[in-house]
Amino acid sequence: MFGRGTGAGVDSGAEASGRSGAPGRGATTVARVRTVLSQVIWLLFLVAALFLAVGALLVALDANQGNDLVTFVLEGADRVDLGIFSRDNGVKQFSGADADTKNALFNWGLGAAAWLFVGRILDRVIRP
């Protein structure tokens, strides 16, 4: 009646099989994989940023570096700073009183912001 002349009450092949233009199982699976992948990547980048931020806070508070947890966080922050945001040779180096604290707060803070920024960009690119 309103179709392509196939007759009233007769469904076309795509509509009869349940594929009326909606994405199939393959597309749904790909979208799910992309969503999970983007969440995992965002989580990894968030953890890297947290290591840097908490490490900078521990340096600023002059935490006991003999403590295993403090050592773990500071070593993790040293690993994820990628050398670019290093306390010892970072983007900006301070000198004088409290130089170590200023270096950690500035460089690791900048590094944490960079990890969050890049992580959010990748999350948006990968997510369907």
C-alpha atoms as a PDB file:
ATOM      1  CA  MET A   1       0.000   0.000   0.000  1.00  0.00           C
ATOM      2  CA  PHE A   2       2.602   2.587   1.069  1.00  0.00           C
ATOM      3  CA  GLY A   3       5.626   0.421   0.332  1.00  0.00           C
ATOM      4  CA  ARG A   4       7.395  -0.391  -2.913  1.00  0.00           C
ATOM      5  CA  GLY A   5       4.564  -2.412  -4.302  1.00  0.00           C
ATOM      6  CA  THR A   6       5.384  -5.599  -2.435  1.00  0.00           C
ATOM      7  CA  GLY A   7       1.806  -5.963  -1.313  1.00  0.00           C
ATOM      8  CA  ALA A   8      -0.095  -5.047   1.798  1.00  0.00           C
ATOM      9  CA  GLY A   9       0.940  -6.882   4.934  1.00  0.00           C
ATOM     10  CA  VAL A  10       4.139  -8.303   3.442  1.00  0.00           C
ATOM     11  CA  ASP A  11       7.350  -7.260   5.216  1.00  0.00           C
ATOM     12  CA  SER A  12      10.572  -6.660   3.363  1.00  0.00           C
ATOM     13  CA  GLY A  13      13.477  -9.005   4.110  1.00  0.00           C
ATOM     14  CA  ALA A  14      15.345  -6.537   6.371  1.00  0.00           C
ATOM     15  CA  GLU A  15      12.288  -5.776   8.446  1.00  0.00           C
ATOM     16  CA  ALA A  16      11.271  -9.430   8.719  1.00  0.00           C
ATOM     17  CA  SER A  17      14.712 -10.402  10.034  1.00  0.00           C
ATOM     18  CA  GLY A  18      14.683  -7.669  12.685  1.00  0.00           C
ATOM     19  CA  ARG A  19      17.301  -5.485  10.991  1.00  0.00           C
ATOM     20  CA  SER A  20      15.366  -2.323  10.337  1.00  0.00           C
ATOM     21  CA  GLY A  21      18.427  -0.081  10.052  1.00  0.00           C
ATOM     22  CA  ALA A  22      19.436  -0.499  13.695  1.00  0.00           C
ATOM     23  CA  PRO A  23      23.025  -1.495  14.430  1.00  0.00           C
ATOM     24  CA  GLY A  24      23.616  -5.210  14.575  1.00  0.00           C
ATOM     25  CA  ARG A  25      25.348  -7.285  17.192  1.00  0.00           C
ATOM     26  CA  GLY A  26      28.767  -6.610  15.672  1.00  0.00           C
ATOM     27  CA  ALA A  27      28.369  -2.852  15.888  1.00  0.00           C
ATOM     28  CA  THR A  28      27.076  -3.113  19.445  1.00  0.00           C
ATOM     29  CA  THR A  29      30.043  -5.269  20.434  1.00  0.00           C
ATOM     30  CA  VAL A  30      32.511  -2.846  18.861  1.00  0.00           C
ATOM     31  CA  ALA A  31      30.861   0.073  20.661  1.00  0.00           C
ATOM     32  CA  ARG A  32      31.070  -1.804  23.955  1.00  0.00           C
ATOM     33  CA  VAL A  33      34.732  -2.652  23.433  1.00  0.00           C
ATOM     34  CA  ARG A  34      35.508   0.978  22.586  1.00  0.00           C
ATOM     35  CA  THR A  35      33.635   2.165  25.670  1.00  0.00           C
ATOM     36  CA  VAL A  36      35.472  -0.245  27.988  1.00  0.00           C
ATOM     37  CA  LEU A  37      38.822   0.576  26.356  1.00  0.00           C
ATOM     38  CA  SER A  38      38.254   4.312  26.800  1.00  0.00           C
ATOM     39  CA  GLN A  39      37.328   3.773  30.458  1.00  0.00           C
ATOM     40  CA  VAL A  40      40.460   1.683  31.087  1.00  0.00           C
ATOM     41  CA  ILE A  41      42.673   4.283  29.418  1.00  0.00           C
ATOM     42  CA  TRP A  42      41.048   7.097  31.397  1.00  0.00           C
ATOM     43  CA  LEU A  43      41.566   5.120  34.623  1.00  0.00           C
ATOM     44  CA  LEU A  44      45.260   4.537  33.861  1.00  0.00           C
ATOM     45  CA  PHE A  45      45.825   8.209  33.100  1.00  0.00           C
ATOM     46  CA  LEU A  46      43.924   9.178  36.249  1.00  0.00           C
ATOM     47  CA  VAL A  47      46.083   6.870  38.382  1.00  0.00           C
ATOM     48  CA  ALA A  48      49.239   8.400  36.867  1.00  0.00           C
ATOM     49  CA  ALA A  49      47.953  11.900  37.692  1.00  0.00           C
ATOM     50  CA  LEU A  50      47.097  10.798  41.237  1.00  0.00           C
ATOM     51  CA  PHE A  51      50.615   9.444  41.776  1.00  0.00           C
ATOM     52  CA  LEU A  52      52.049  12.820  40.766  1.00  0.00           C
ATOM     53  CA  ALA A  53      49.589  14.868  42.814  1.00  0.00           C
ATOM     54  CA  VAL A  54      49.891  12.753  45.964  1.00  0.00           C
ATOM     55  CA  GLY A  55      53.670  12.590  45.525  1.00  0.00           C
ATOM     56  CA  ALA A  56      53.866  16.379  45.350  1.00  0.00           C
ATOM     57  CA  LEU A  57      51.695  16.629  48.445  1.00  0.00           C
ATOM     58  CA  LEU A  58      53.922  14.185  50.324  1.00  0.00           C
ATOM     59  CA  VAL A  59      57.025  16.180  49.392  1.00  0.00           C
ATOM     60  CA  ALA A  60      55.326  19.428  50.444  1.00  0.00           C
ATOM     61  CA  LEU A  61      54.304  17.903  53.784  1.00  0.00           C
ATOM     62  CA  ASP A  62      57.833  16.552  54.274  1.00  0.00           C
ATOM     63  CA  ALA A  63      56.491  13.028  54.777  1.00  0.00           C
ATOM     64  CA  ASN A  64      58.670  10.313  56.278  1.00  0.00           C
ATOM     65  CA  GLN A  65      60.466   8.836  53.268  1.00  0.00           C
ATOM     66  CA  GLY A  66      61.419   5.808  55.342  1.00  0.00           C
ATOM     67  CA  ASN A  67      57.755   4.761  55.276  1.00  0.00           C
ATOM     68  CA  ASP A  68      57.022   2.082  52.669  1.00  0.00           C
ATOM     69  CA  LEU A  69      53.813   3.723  51.442  1.00  0.00           C
ATOM     70  CA  VAL A  70      55.489   7.111  51.007  1.00  0.00           C
ATOM     71  CA  THR A  71      58.385   5.449  49.180  1.00  0.00           C
ATOM     72  CA  PHE A  72      55.948   3.572  46.918  1.00  0.00           C
ATOM     73  CA  VAL A  73      54.080   6.771  45.976  1.00  0.00           C
ATOM     74  CA  LEU A  74      57.264   8.789  45.383  1.00  0.00           C
ATOM     75  CA  GLU A  75      58.814   6.030  43.243  1.00  0.00           C
ATOM     76  CA  GLY A  76      55.574   5.726  41.277  1.00  0.00           C
ATOM     77  CA  ALA A  77      55.523   9.476  40.721  1.00  0.00           C
ATOM     78  CA  ASP A  78      59.149   9.374  39.575  1.00  0.00           C
ATOM     79  CA  ARG A  79      58.178   6.717  37.014  1.00  0.00           C
ATOM     80  CA  VAL A  80      55.135   8.488  35.593  1.00  0.00           C
ATOM     81  CA  ASP A  81      56.753  11.923  35.362  1.00  0.00           C
ATOM     82  CA  LEU A  82      58.424  10.635  32.156  1.00  0.00           C
ATOM     83  CA  GLY A  83      61.486  12.792  32.790  1.00  0.00           C
ATOM     84  CA  ILE A  84      59.659  15.807  31.393  1.00  0.00           C
ATOM     85  CA  PHE A  85      58.072  16.739  34.713  1.00  0.00           C
ATOM     86  CA  SER A  86      60.888  15.486  36.924  1.00  0.00           C
ATOM     87  CA  ARG A  87      61.567  17.047  40.314  1.00  0.00           C
ATOM     88  CA  ASP A  88      65.281  17.114  39.535  1.00  0.00           C
ATOM     89  CA  ASN A  89      65.252  18.254  35.904  1.00  0.00           C
ATOM     90  CA  GLY A  90      61.727  19.303  35.046  1.00  0.00           C
ATOM     91  CA  VAL A  91      60.089  22.104  33.113  1.00  0.00           C
ATOM     92  CA  LYS A  92      61.097  24.689  35.707  1.00  0.00           C
ATOM     93  CA  GLN A  93      63.735  24.439  38.390  1.00  0.00           C
ATOM     94  CA  PHE A  94      63.598  26.534  41.516  1.00  0.00           C
ATOM     95  CA  SER A  95      66.549  27.346  43.723  1.00  0.00           C
ATOM     96  CA  GLY A  96      66.923  28.636  47.230  1.00  0.00           C
ATOM     97  CA  ALA A  97      64.814  27.855  50.248  1.00  0.00           C
ATOM     98  CA  ASP A  98      62.341  24.984  49.821  1.00  0.00           C
ATOM     99  CA  ALA A  99      63.444  24.402  46.232  1.00  0.00           C
ATOM    100  CA  ASP A 100      62.628  20.663  46.424  1.00  0.00           C
ATOM    101  CA  THR A 101      59.077  21.389  47.522  1.00  0.00           C
ATOM    102  CA  LYS A 102      58.579  24.050  44.840  1.00  0.00           C
ATOM    103  CA  ASN A 103      60.022  21.757  42.157  1.00  0.00           C
ATOM    104  CA  ALA A 104      57.733  18.897  43.181  1.00  0.00           C
ATOM    105  CA  LEU A 105      54.616  21.059  43.401  1.00  0.00           C
ATOM    106  CA  PHE A 106      55.224  22.860  40.119  1.00  0.00           C
ATOM    107  CA  ASN A 107      56.584  20.056  37.937  1.00  0.00           C
ATOM    108  CA  TRP A 108      54.496  17.196  39.281  1.00  0.00           C
ATOM    109  CA  GLY A 109      51.411  19.421  39.400  1.00  0.00           C
ATOM    110  CA  LEU A 110      51.954  20.328  35.755  1.00  0.00           C
ATOM    111  CA  GLY A 111      52.539  16.652  34.960  1.00  0.00           C
ATOM    112  CA  ALA A 112      49.312  15.637  36.699  1.00  0.00           C
ATOM    113  CA  ALA A 113      47.373  18.225  34.705  1.00  0.00           C
ATOM    114  CA  ALA A 114      48.986  16.967  31.478  1.00  0.00           C
ATOM    115  CA  TRP A 115      48.074  13.335  32.270  1.00  0.00           C
ATOM    116  CA  LEU A 116      44.467  14.355  32.935  1.00  0.00           C
ATOM    117  CA  PHE A 117      44.267  16.483  29.789  1.00  0.00           C
ATOM    118  CA  VAL A 118      45.696  13.821  27.469  1.00  0.00           C
ATOM    119  CA  GLY A 119      43.666  11.088  29.155  1.00  0.00           C
ATOM    120  CA  ARG A 120      40.418  12.990  28.658  1.00  0.00           C
ATOM    121  CA  ILE A 121      41.265  13.664  24.996  1.00  0.00           C
ATOM    122  CA  LEU A 122      41.985   9.963  24.375  1.00  0.00           C
ATOM    123  CA  ASP A 123      38.801   9.020  26.233  1.00  0.00           C
ATOM    124  CA  ARG A 124      36.737  11.279  23.969  1.00  0.00           C
ATOM    125  CA  VAL A 125      38.471  10.049  20.786  1.00  0.00           C
ATOM    126  CA  ILE A 126      38.087   6.349  21.559  1.00  0.00           C
ATOM    127  CA  ARG A 127      34.594   6.381  23.084  1.00  0.00           C
ATOM    128  CA  PRO A 128      31.857   5.861  20.434  1.00  0.00           C
END
